[in-house]
mmCIF file of all heavy atoms, coordinates in Angstrom:
data_MODEL
# 
_entry.id   MODEL 
# 
loop_
_atom_site.group_PDB 
_atom_site.id 
_atom_site.type_symbol 
_atom_site.label_atom_id 
_atom_site.label_alt_id 
_atom_site.label_comp_id 
_atom_site.label_asym_id 
_atom_site.label_entity_id 
_atom_site.label_seq_id 
_atom_site.pdbx_PDB_ins_code 
_atom_site.Cartn_x 
_atom_site.Cartn_y 
_atom_site.Cartn_z 
_atom_site.occupancy 
_atom_site.B_iso_or_equiv 
_atom_site.pdbx_formal_charge 
_atom_site.auth_seq_id 
_atom_site.auth_comp_id 
_atom_site.auth_asym_id 
_atom_site.auth_atom_id 
_atom_site.pdbx_PDB_model_num 
ATOM 1   N N   . ASP A 1 1  ? -122.204 -111.070 -28.016 1.00 0.00 ? 1  ASP A N   1 
ATOM 2   C CA  . ASP A 1 1  ? -122.423 -111.386 -26.636 1.00 0.00 ? 1  ASP A CA  1 
ATOM 3   C C   . ASP A 1 1  ? -122.287 -112.923 -26.428 1.00 0.00 ? 1  ASP A C   1 
ATOM 4   O O   . ASP A 1 1  ? -122.450 -113.699 -27.378 1.00 0.00 ? 1  ASP A O   1 
ATOM 5   C CB  . ASP A 1 1  ? -123.824 -110.942 -26.178 1.00 0.00 ? 1  ASP A CB  1 
ATOM 6   C CG  . ASP A 1 1  ? -123.939 -109.443 -26.166 1.00 0.00 ? 1  ASP A CG  1 
ATOM 7   O OD1 . ASP A 1 1  ? -122.899 -108.750 -26.047 1.00 0.00 ? 1  ASP A OD1 1 
ATOM 8   O OD2 . ASP A 1 1  ? -125.097 -108.985 -26.268 1.00 0.00 ? 1  ASP A OD2 1 
ATOM 9   N N   . ARG A 1 2  ? -122.018 -113.270 -25.197 1.00 0.00 ? 2  ARG A N   1 
ATOM 10  C CA  . ARG A 1 2  ? -122.003 -114.742 -24.912 1.00 0.00 ? 2  ARG A CA  1 
ATOM 11  C C   . ARG A 1 2  ? -123.428 -115.314 -24.962 1.00 0.00 ? 2  ARG A C   1 
ATOM 12  O O   . ARG A 1 2  ? -124.405 -114.584 -24.585 1.00 0.00 ? 2  ARG A O   1 
ATOM 13  C CB  . ARG A 1 2  ? -121.396 -114.963 -23.514 1.00 0.00 ? 2  ARG A CB  1 
ATOM 14  C CG  . ARG A 1 2  ? -119.913 -114.682 -23.461 1.00 0.00 ? 2  ARG A CG  1 
ATOM 15  C CD  . ARG A 1 2  ? -119.297 -115.006 -22.145 1.00 0.00 ? 2  ARG A CD  1 
ATOM 16  N NE  . ARG A 1 2  ? -119.764 -114.132 -21.065 1.00 0.00 ? 2  ARG A NE  1 
ATOM 17  C CZ  . ARG A 1 2  ? -119.185 -114.006 -19.881 1.00 0.00 ? 2  ARG A CZ  1 
ATOM 18  N NH1 . ARG A 1 2  ? -118.105 -114.759 -19.638 1.00 0.00 ? 2  ARG A NH1 1 
ATOM 19  N NH2 . ARG A 1 2  ? -119.673 -113.177 -18.995 1.00 0.00 ? 2  ARG A NH2 1 
ATOM 20  N N   . GLU A 1 3  ? -123.520 -116.549 -25.397 1.00 0.00 ? 3  GLU A N   1 
ATOM 21  C CA  . GLU A 1 3  ? -124.801 -117.145 -25.536 1.00 0.00 ? 3  GLU A CA  1 
ATOM 22  C C   . GLU A 1 3  ? -124.780 -118.552 -24.898 1.00 0.00 ? 3  GLU A C   1 
ATOM 23  O O   . GLU A 1 3  ? -123.906 -119.330 -25.201 1.00 0.00 ? 3  GLU A O   1 
ATOM 24  C CB  . GLU A 1 3  ? -125.138 -117.352 -27.032 1.00 0.00 ? 3  GLU A CB  1 
ATOM 25  C CG  . GLU A 1 3  ? -126.460 -118.092 -27.361 1.00 0.00 ? 3  GLU A CG  1 
ATOM 26  C CD  . GLU A 1 3  ? -126.610 -118.426 -28.826 1.00 0.00 ? 3  GLU A CD  1 
ATOM 27  O OE1 . GLU A 1 3  ? -125.621 -118.374 -29.573 1.00 0.00 ? 3  GLU A OE1 1 
ATOM 28  O OE2 . GLU A 1 3  ? -127.738 -118.748 -29.205 1.00 0.00 ? 3  GLU A OE2 1 
ATOM 29  N N   . VAL A 1 4  ? -125.759 -118.787 -24.010 1.00 0.00 ? 4  VAL A N   1 
ATOM 30  C CA  . VAL A 1 4  ? -125.899 -120.141 -23.452 1.00 0.00 ? 4  VAL A CA  1 
ATOM 31  C C   . VAL A 1 4  ? -126.597 -120.971 -24.536 1.00 0.00 ? 4  VAL A C   1 
ATOM 32  O O   . VAL A 1 4  ? -127.738 -120.745 -24.835 1.00 0.00 ? 4  VAL A O   1 
ATOM 33  C CB  . VAL A 1 4  ? -126.740 -120.114 -22.160 1.00 0.00 ? 4  VAL A CB  1 
ATOM 34  C CG1 . VAL A 1 4  ? -126.943 -121.517 -21.651 1.00 0.00 ? 4  VAL A CG1 1 
ATOM 35  C CG2 . VAL A 1 4  ? -126.058 -119.296 -21.083 1.00 0.00 ? 4  VAL A CG2 1 
ATOM 36  N N   . VAL A 1 5  ? -125.843 -121.915 -25.078 1.00 0.00 ? 5  VAL A N   1 
ATOM 37  C CA  . VAL A 1 5  ? -126.473 -122.709 -26.150 1.00 0.00 ? 5  VAL A CA  1 
ATOM 38  C C   . VAL A 1 5  ? -127.135 -123.983 -25.640 1.00 0.00 ? 5  VAL A C   1 
ATOM 39  O O   . VAL A 1 5  ? -128.047 -124.496 -26.228 1.00 0.00 ? 5  VAL A O   1 
ATOM 40  C CB  . VAL A 1 5  ? -125.421 -123.069 -27.243 1.00 0.00 ? 5  VAL A CB  1 
ATOM 41  C CG1 . VAL A 1 5  ? -124.937 -121.819 -27.965 1.00 0.00 ? 5  VAL A CG1 1 
ATOM 42  C CG2 . VAL A 1 5  ? -124.292 -123.882 -26.695 1.00 0.00 ? 5  VAL A CG2 1 
ATOM 43  N N   . ALA A 1 6  ? -126.664 -124.492 -24.499 1.00 0.00 ? 6  ALA A N   1 
ATOM 44  C CA  . ALA A 1 6  ? -127.274 -125.694 -23.909 1.00 0.00 ? 6  ALA A CA  1 
ATOM 45  C C   . ALA A 1 6  ? -126.976 -125.763 -22.421 1.00 0.00 ? 6  ALA A C   1 
ATOM 46  O O   . ALA A 1 6  ? -125.896 -125.321 -21.987 1.00 0.00 ? 6  ALA A O   1 
ATOM 47  C CB  . ALA A 1 6  ? -126.757 -126.972 -24.597 1.00 0.00 ? 6  ALA A CB  1 
ATOM 48  N N   . ALA A 1 7  ? -127.892 -126.289 -21.672 1.00 0.00 ? 7  ALA A N   1 
ATOM 49  C CA  . ALA A 1 7  ? -127.716 -126.472 -20.244 1.00 0.00 ? 7  ALA A CA  1 
ATOM 50  C C   . ALA A 1 7  ? -128.393 -127.787 -19.791 1.00 0.00 ? 7  ALA A C   1 
ATOM 51  O O   . ALA A 1 7  ? -129.317 -128.265 -20.473 1.00 0.00 ? 7  ALA A O   1 
ATOM 52  C CB  . ALA A 1 7  ? -128.342 -125.310 -19.461 1.00 0.00 ? 7  ALA A CB  1 
ATOM 53  N N   . ILE A 1 8  ? -127.871 -128.375 -18.744 1.00 0.00 ? 8  ILE A N   1 
ATOM 54  C CA  . ILE A 1 8  ? -128.394 -129.661 -18.270 1.00 0.00 ? 8  ILE A CA  1 
ATOM 55  C C   . ILE A 1 8  ? -128.385 -129.662 -16.761 1.00 0.00 ? 8  ILE A C   1 
ATOM 56  O O   . ILE A 1 8  ? -127.437 -129.195 -16.118 1.00 0.00 ? 8  ILE A O   1 
ATOM 57  C CB  . ILE A 1 8  ? -127.520 -130.829 -18.857 1.00 0.00 ? 8  ILE A CB  1 
ATOM 58  C CG1 . ILE A 1 8  ? -128.161 -132.172 -18.511 1.00 0.00 ? 8  ILE A CG1 1 
ATOM 59  C CG2 . ILE A 1 8  ? -126.059 -130.732 -18.379 1.00 0.00 ? 8  ILE A CG2 1 
ATOM 60  C CD1 . ILE A 1 8  ? -127.496 -133.369 -19.307 1.00 0.00 ? 8  ILE A CD1 1 
ATOM 61  N N   . SER A 1 9  ? -129.491 -130.150 -16.205 1.00 0.00 ? 9  SER A N   1 
ATOM 62  C CA  . SER A 1 9  ? -129.594 -130.209 -14.740 1.00 0.00 ? 9  SER A CA  1 
ATOM 63  C C   . SER A 1 9  ? -128.683 -131.253 -14.139 1.00 0.00 ? 9  SER A C   1 
ATOM 64  O O   . SER A 1 9  ? -128.150 -132.113 -14.879 1.00 0.00 ? 9  SER A O   1 
ATOM 65  C CB  . SER A 1 9  ? -131.048 -130.473 -14.342 1.00 0.00 ? 9  SER A CB  1 
ATOM 66  O OG  . SER A 1 9  ? -131.445 -131.761 -14.791 1.00 0.00 ? 9  SER A OG  1 
ATOM 67  N N   . TRP A 1 10 ? -128.528 -131.243 -12.864 1.00 0.00 ? 10 TRP A N   1 
ATOM 68  C CA  . TRP A 1 10 ? -127.593 -132.166 -12.198 1.00 0.00 ? 10 TRP A CA  1 
ATOM 69  C C   . TRP A 1 10 ? -127.903 -133.656 -12.472 1.00 0.00 ? 10 TRP A C   1 
ATOM 70  O O   . TRP A 1 10 ? -127.027 -134.439 -12.615 1.00 0.00 ? 10 TRP A O   1 
ATOM 71  C CB  . TRP A 1 10 ? -127.588 -131.905 -10.695 1.00 0.00 ? 10 TRP A CB  1 
ATOM 72  C CG  . TRP A 1 10 ? -128.777 -132.445 -10.009 1.00 0.00 ? 10 TRP A CG  1 
ATOM 73  C CD1 . TRP A 1 10 ? -130.001 -131.858 -9.871  1.00 0.00 ? 10 TRP A CD1 1 
ATOM 74  C CD2 . TRP A 1 10 ? -128.898 -133.708 -9.329  1.00 0.00 ? 10 TRP A CD2 1 
ATOM 75  N NE1 . TRP A 1 10 ? -130.856 -132.665 -9.190  1.00 0.00 ? 10 TRP A NE1 1 
ATOM 76  C CE2 . TRP A 1 10 ? -130.220 -133.818 -8.818  1.00 0.00 ? 10 TRP A CE2 1 
ATOM 77  C CE3 . TRP A 1 10 ? -127.987 -134.735 -9.062  1.00 0.00 ? 10 TRP A CE3 1 
ATOM 78  C CZ2 . TRP A 1 10 ? -130.618 -134.894 -8.094  1.00 0.00 ? 10 TRP A CZ2 1 
ATOM 79  C CZ3 . TRP A 1 10 ? -128.433 -135.828 -8.364  1.00 0.00 ? 10 TRP A CZ3 1 
ATOM 80  C CH2 . TRP A 1 10 ? -129.728 -135.916 -7.878  1.00 0.00 ? 10 TRP A CH2 1 
ATOM 81  N N   . SER A 1 11 ? -129.205 -133.912 -12.591 1.00 0.00 ? 11 SER A N   1 
ATOM 82  C CA  . SER A 1 11 ? -129.613 -135.298 -12.831 1.00 0.00 ? 11 SER A CA  1 
ATOM 83  C C   . SER A 1 11 ? -129.585 -135.705 -14.282 1.00 0.00 ? 11 SER A C   1 
ATOM 84  O O   . SER A 1 11 ? -129.741 -136.890 -14.656 1.00 0.00 ? 11 SER A O   1 
ATOM 85  C CB  . SER A 1 11 ? -131.011 -135.561 -12.266 1.00 0.00 ? 11 SER A CB  1 
ATOM 86  O OG  . SER A 1 11 ? -131.953 -134.807 -13.010 1.00 0.00 ? 11 SER A OG  1 
ATOM 87  N N   . GLY A 1 12 ? -129.499 -134.679 -15.152 1.00 0.00 ? 12 GLY A N   1 
ATOM 88  C CA  . GLY A 1 12 ? -129.649 -134.946 -16.568 1.00 0.00 ? 12 GLY A CA  1 
ATOM 89  C C   . GLY A 1 12 ? -131.112 -134.983 -17.040 1.00 0.00 ? 12 GLY A C   1 
ATOM 90  O O   . GLY A 1 12 ? -131.391 -135.126 -18.203 1.00 0.00 ? 12 GLY A O   1 
ATOM 91  N N   . GLY A 1 13 ? -132.031 -134.760 -16.101 1.00 0.00 ? 13 GLY A N   1 
ATOM 92  C CA  . GLY A 1 13 ? -133.411 -134.879 -16.411 1.00 0.00 ? 13 GLY A CA  1 
ATOM 93  C C   . GLY A 1 13 ? -134.033 -133.709 -17.098 1.00 0.00 ? 13 GLY A C   1 
ATOM 94  O O   . GLY A 1 13 ? -135.090 -133.793 -17.740 1.00 0.00 ? 13 GLY A O   1 
ATOM 95  N N   . ARG A 1 14 ? -133.381 -132.540 -17.021 1.00 0.00 ? 14 ARG A N   1 
ATOM 96  C CA  . ARG A 1 14 ? -133.855 -131.364 -17.737 1.00 0.00 ? 14 ARG A CA  1 
ATOM 97  C C   . ARG A 1 14 ? -132.758 -130.797 -18.557 1.00 0.00 ? 14 ARG A C   1 
ATOM 98  O O   . ARG A 1 14 ? -131.585 -130.741 -18.142 1.00 0.00 ? 14 ARG A O   1 
ATOM 99  C CB  . ARG A 1 14 ? -134.356 -130.297 -16.745 1.00 0.00 ? 14 ARG A CB  1 
ATOM 100 C CG  . ARG A 1 14 ? -135.629 -130.667 -16.011 1.00 0.00 ? 14 ARG A CG  1 
ATOM 101 C CD  . ARG A 1 14 ? -136.282 -129.381 -15.438 1.00 0.00 ? 14 ARG A CD  1 
ATOM 102 N NE  . ARG A 1 14 ? -136.699 -128.498 -16.476 1.00 0.00 ? 14 ARG A NE  1 
ATOM 103 C CZ  . ARG A 1 14 ? -136.892 -127.169 -16.296 1.00 0.00 ? 14 ARG A CZ  1 
ATOM 104 N NH1 . ARG A 1 14 ? -136.667 -126.631 -15.109 1.00 0.00 ? 14 ARG A NH1 1 
ATOM 105 N NH2 . ARG A 1 14 ? -137.312 -126.403 -17.273 1.00 0.00 ? 14 ARG A NH2 1 
ATOM 106 N N   . LYS A 1 15 ? -133.116 -130.377 -19.778 1.00 0.00 ? 15 LYS A N   1 
ATOM 107 C CA  . LYS A 1 15 ? -132.150 -129.786 -20.694 1.00 0.00 ? 15 LYS A CA  1 
ATOM 108 C C   . LYS A 1 15 ? -132.763 -128.538 -21.289 1.00 0.00 ? 15 LYS A C   1 
ATOM 109 O O   . LYS A 1 15 ? -133.987 -128.432 -21.503 1.00 0.00 ? 15 LYS A O   1 
ATOM 110 C CB  . LYS A 1 15 ? -131.769 -130.792 -21.786 1.00 0.00 ? 15 LYS A CB  1 
ATOM 111 C CG  . LYS A 1 15 ? -131.138 -132.077 -21.221 1.00 0.00 ? 15 LYS A CG  1 
ATOM 112 C CD  . LYS A 1 15 ? -130.838 -133.043 -22.342 1.00 0.00 ? 15 LYS A CD  1 
ATOM 113 C CE  . LYS A 1 15 ? -130.248 -134.349 -21.754 1.00 0.00 ? 15 LYS A CE  1 
ATOM 114 N NZ  . LYS A 1 15 ? -129.927 -135.321 -22.801 1.00 0.00 ? 15 LYS A NZ  1 
ATOM 115 N N   . TYR A 1 16 ? -131.877 -127.625 -21.657 1.00 0.00 ? 16 TYR A N   1 
ATOM 116 C CA  . TYR A 1 16 ? -132.277 -126.412 -22.379 1.00 0.00 ? 16 TYR A CA  1 
ATOM 117 C C   . TYR A 1 16 ? -131.383 -126.274 -23.590 1.00 0.00 ? 16 TYR A C   1 
ATOM 118 O O   . TYR A 1 16 ? -130.172 -126.567 -23.590 1.00 0.00 ? 16 TYR A O   1 
ATOM 119 C CB  . TYR A 1 16 ? -132.094 -125.183 -21.447 1.00 0.00 ? 16 TYR A CB  1 
ATOM 120 C CG  . TYR A 1 16 ? -132.024 -123.894 -22.239 1.00 0.00 ? 16 TYR A CG  1 
ATOM 121 C CD1 . TYR A 1 16 ? -133.152 -123.213 -22.588 1.00 0.00 ? 16 TYR A CD1 1 
ATOM 122 C CD2 . TYR A 1 16 ? -130.783 -123.323 -22.575 1.00 0.00 ? 16 TYR A CD2 1 
ATOM 123 C CE1 . TYR A 1 16 ? -133.088 -122.010 -23.317 1.00 0.00 ? 16 TYR A CE1 1 
ATOM 124 C CE2 . TYR A 1 16 ? -130.707 -122.163 -23.296 1.00 0.00 ? 16 TYR A CE2 1 
ATOM 125 C CZ  . TYR A 1 16 ? -131.885 -121.501 -23.674 1.00 0.00 ? 16 TYR A CZ  1 
ATOM 126 O OH  . TYR A 1 16 ? -131.818 -120.350 -24.389 1.00 0.00 ? 16 TYR A OH  1 
ATOM 127 N N   . TYR A 1 17 ? -132.012 -125.769 -24.688 1.00 0.00 ? 17 TYR A N   1 
ATOM 128 C CA  . TYR A 1 17 ? -131.232 -125.461 -25.926 1.00 0.00 ? 17 TYR A CA  1 
ATOM 129 C C   . TYR A 1 17 ? -131.692 -124.105 -26.405 1.00 0.00 ? 17 TYR A C   1 
ATOM 130 O O   . TYR A 1 17 ? -132.877 -123.791 -26.404 1.00 0.00 ? 17 TYR A O   1 
ATOM 131 C CB  . TYR A 1 17 ? -131.473 -126.490 -26.999 1.00 0.00 ? 17 TYR A CB  1 
ATOM 132 C CG  . TYR A 1 17 ? -130.998 -127.905 -26.647 1.00 0.00 ? 17 TYR A CG  1 
ATOM 133 C CD1 . TYR A 1 17 ? -131.880 -128.837 -26.184 1.00 0.00 ? 17 TYR A CD1 1 
ATOM 134 C CD2 . TYR A 1 17 ? -129.669 -128.245 -26.756 1.00 0.00 ? 17 TYR A CD2 1 
ATOM 135 C CE1 . TYR A 1 17 ? -131.459 -130.127 -25.837 1.00 0.00 ? 17 TYR A CE1 1 
ATOM 136 C CE2 . TYR A 1 17 ? -129.216 -129.506 -26.413 1.00 0.00 ? 17 TYR A CE2 1 
ATOM 137 C CZ  . TYR A 1 17 ? -130.134 -130.410 -25.943 1.00 0.00 ? 17 TYR A CZ  1 
ATOM 138 O OH  . TYR A 1 17 ? -129.672 -131.681 -25.606 1.00 0.00 ? 17 TYR A OH  1 
ATOM 139 N N   . SER A 1 18 ? -130.773 -123.295 -26.910 1.00 0.00 ? 18 SER A N   1 
ATOM 140 C CA  . SER A 1 18 ? -131.113 -122.064 -27.514 1.00 0.00 ? 18 SER A CA  1 
ATOM 141 C C   . SER A 1 18 ? -131.807 -122.369 -28.858 1.00 0.00 ? 18 SER A C   1 
ATOM 142 O O   . SER A 1 18 ? -131.555 -123.410 -29.476 1.00 0.00 ? 18 SER A O   1 
ATOM 143 C CB  . SER A 1 18 ? -129.904 -121.149 -27.710 1.00 0.00 ? 18 SER A CB  1 
ATOM 144 O OG  . SER A 1 18 ? -129.010 -121.769 -28.613 1.00 0.00 ? 18 SER A OG  1 
ATOM 145 N N   . ASP A 1 19 ? -132.554 -121.464 -29.353 1.00 0.00 ? 19 ASP A N   1 
ATOM 146 C CA  . ASP A 1 19 ? -133.230 -121.653 -30.607 1.00 0.00 ? 19 ASP A CA  1 
ATOM 147 C C   . ASP A 1 19 ? -132.249 -121.861 -31.761 1.00 0.00 ? 19 ASP A C   1 
ATOM 148 O O   . ASP A 1 19 ? -132.527 -122.555 -32.731 1.00 0.00 ? 19 ASP A O   1 
ATOM 149 C CB  . ASP A 1 19 ? -134.153 -120.449 -30.937 1.00 0.00 ? 19 ASP A CB  1 
ATOM 150 C CG  . ASP A 1 19 ? -135.408 -120.412 -30.077 1.00 0.00 ? 19 ASP A CG  1 
ATOM 151 O OD1 . ASP A 1 19 ? -135.707 -121.474 -29.426 1.00 0.00 ? 19 ASP A OD1 1 
ATOM 152 O OD2 . ASP A 1 19 ? -136.030 -119.365 -29.965 1.00 0.00 ? 19 ASP A OD2 1 
ATOM 153 N N   . SER A 1 20 ? -131.086 -121.245 -31.637 1.00 0.00 ? 20 SER A N   1 
ATOM 154 C CA  . SER A 1 20 ? -130.109 -121.305 -32.713 1.00 0.00 ? 20 SER A CA  1 
ATOM 155 C C   . SER A 1 20 ? -129.479 -122.686 -32.881 1.00 0.00 ? 20 SER A C   1 
ATOM 156 O O   . SER A 1 20 ? -128.901 -122.988 -33.931 1.00 0.00 ? 20 SER A O   1 
ATOM 157 C CB  . SER A 1 20 ? -128.997 -120.279 -32.486 1.00 0.00 ? 20 SER A CB  1 
ATOM 158 O OG  . SER A 1 20 ? -128.346 -120.547 -31.242 1.00 0.00 ? 20 SER A OG  1 
ATOM 159 N N   . VAL A 1 21 ? -129.566 -123.551 -31.860 1.00 0.00 ? 21 VAL A N   1 
ATOM 160 C CA  . VAL A 1 21 ? -128.941 -124.888 -31.981 1.00 0.00 ? 21 VAL A CA  1 
ATOM 161 C C   . VAL A 1 21 ? -129.938 -126.022 -31.785 1.00 0.00 ? 21 VAL A C   1 
ATOM 162 O O   . VAL A 1 21 ? -129.565 -127.190 -31.940 1.00 0.00 ? 21 VAL A O   1 
ATOM 163 C CB  . VAL A 1 21 ? -127.807 -125.047 -30.951 1.00 0.00 ? 21 VAL A CB  1 
ATOM 164 C CG1 . VAL A 1 21 ? -126.835 -123.885 -31.106 1.00 0.00 ? 21 VAL A CG1 1 
ATOM 165 C CG2 . VAL A 1 21 ? -128.305 -125.162 -29.523 1.00 0.00 ? 21 VAL A CG2 1 
ATOM 166 N N   . LYS A 1 22 ? -131.171 -125.711 -31.436 1.00 0.00 ? 22 LYS A N   1 
ATOM 167 C CA  . LYS A 1 22 ? -132.134 -126.724 -31.160 1.00 0.00 ? 22 LYS A CA  1 
ATOM 168 C C   . LYS A 1 22 ? -132.327 -127.663 -32.337 1.00 0.00 ? 22 LYS A C   1 
ATOM 169 O O   . LYS A 1 22 ? -132.445 -127.217 -33.482 1.00 0.00 ? 22 LYS A O   1 
ATOM 170 C CB  . LYS A 1 22 ? -133.515 -126.062 -30.778 1.00 0.00 ? 22 LYS A CB  1 
ATOM 171 C CG  . LYS A 1 22 ? -134.506 -126.991 -30.074 1.00 0.00 ? 22 LYS A CG  1 
ATOM 172 C CD  . LYS A 1 22 ? -135.684 -126.145 -29.611 1.00 0.00 ? 22 LYS A CD  1 
ATOM 173 C CE  . LYS A 1 22 ? -135.334 -125.076 -28.620 1.00 0.00 ? 22 LYS A CE  1 
ATOM 174 N NZ  . LYS A 1 22 ? -136.466 -124.336 -28.110 1.00 0.00 ? 22 LYS A NZ  1 
ATOM 175 N N   . GLY A 1 23 ? -132.276 -128.966 -32.063 1.00 0.00 ? 23 GLY A N   1 
ATOM 176 C CA  . GLY A 1 23 ? -132.398 -129.960 -33.105 1.00 0.00 ? 23 GLY A CA  1 
ATOM 177 C C   . GLY A 1 23 ? -131.096 -130.392 -33.740 1.00 0.00 ? 23 GLY A C   1 
ATOM 178 O O   . GLY A 1 23 ? -131.040 -131.361 -34.472 1.00 0.00 ? 23 GLY A O   1 
ATOM 179 N N   . ARG A 1 24 ? -130.018 -129.643 -33.448 1.00 0.00 ? 24 ARG A N   1 
ATOM 180 C CA  . ARG A 1 24 ? -128.689 -129.945 -34.018 1.00 0.00 ? 24 ARG A CA  1 
ATOM 181 C C   . ARG A 1 24 ? -127.676 -130.308 -32.935 1.00 0.00 ? 24 ARG A C   1 
ATOM 182 O O   . ARG A 1 24 ? -126.818 -131.129 -33.182 1.00 0.00 ? 24 ARG A O   1 
ATOM 183 C CB  . ARG A 1 24 ? -128.153 -128.729 -34.810 1.00 0.00 ? 24 ARG A CB  1 
ATOM 184 C CG  . ARG A 1 24 ? -129.071 -128.299 -35.939 1.00 0.00 ? 24 ARG A CG  1 
ATOM 185 C CD  . ARG A 1 24 ? -128.376 -127.219 -36.804 1.00 0.00 ? 24 ARG A CD  1 
ATOM 186 N NE  . ARG A 1 24 ? -128.141 -126.003 -36.015 1.00 0.00 ? 24 ARG A NE  1 
ATOM 187 C CZ  . ARG A 1 24 ? -126.903 -125.454 -35.821 1.00 0.00 ? 24 ARG A CZ  1 
ATOM 188 N NH1 . ARG A 1 24 ? -125.816 -126.053 -36.346 1.00 0.00 ? 24 ARG A NH1 1 
ATOM 189 N NH2 . ARG A 1 24 ? -126.773 -124.371 -35.123 1.00 0.00 ? 24 ARG A NH2 1 
ATOM 190 N N   . PHE A 1 25 ? -127.814 -129.715 -31.744 1.00 0.00 ? 25 PHE A N   1 
ATOM 191 C CA  . PHE A 1 25 ? -126.861 -129.972 -30.670 1.00 0.00 ? 25 PHE A CA  1 
ATOM 192 C C   . PHE A 1 25 ? -127.537 -130.825 -29.563 1.00 0.00 ? 25 PHE A C   1 
ATOM 193 O O   . PHE A 1 25 ? -128.771 -130.682 -29.367 1.00 0.00 ? 25 PHE A O   1 
ATOM 194 C CB  . PHE A 1 25 ? -126.388 -128.677 -30.036 1.00 0.00 ? 25 PHE A CB  1 
ATOM 195 C CG  . PHE A 1 25 ? -125.495 -127.805 -30.889 1.00 0.00 ? 25 PHE A CG  1 
ATOM 196 C CD1 . PHE A 1 25 ? -125.301 -128.113 -32.241 1.00 0.00 ? 25 PHE A CD1 1 
ATOM 197 C CD2 . PHE A 1 25 ? -124.820 -126.750 -30.306 1.00 0.00 ? 25 PHE A CD2 1 
ATOM 198 C CE1 . PHE A 1 25 ? -124.464 -127.281 -32.988 1.00 0.00 ? 25 PHE A CE1 1 
ATOM 199 C CE2 . PHE A 1 25 ? -123.971 -125.932 -31.037 1.00 0.00 ? 25 PHE A CE2 1 
ATOM 200 C CZ  . PHE A 1 25 ? -123.782 -126.221 -32.443 1.00 0.00 ? 25 PHE A CZ  1 
ATOM 201 N N   . THR A 1 26 ? -126.712 -131.668 -28.893 1.00 0.00 ? 26 THR A N   1 
ATOM 202 C CA  . THR A 1 26 ? -127.249 -132.439 -27.800 1.00 0.00 ? 26 THR A CA  1 
ATOM 203 C C   . THR A 1 26 ? -126.289 -132.341 -26.623 1.00 0.00 ? 26 THR A C   1 
ATOM 204 O O   . THR A 1 26 ? -125.104 -132.649 -26.781 1.00 0.00 ? 26 THR A O   1 
ATOM 205 C CB  . THR A 1 26 ? -127.405 -133.905 -28.189 1.00 0.00 ? 26 THR A CB  1 
ATOM 206 O OG1 . THR A 1 26 ? -128.319 -134.029 -29.305 1.00 0.00 ? 26 THR A OG1 1 
ATOM 207 C CG2 . THR A 1 26 ? -128.001 -134.739 -27.029 1.00 0.00 ? 26 THR A CG2 1 
# 
């Protein structure tokens, strides 16, 4: 399935990372 690995709000102030990439992807 498709996986959202990272997301960023319009301002850049909030970010999300999936557990599978957290700590490795920015």
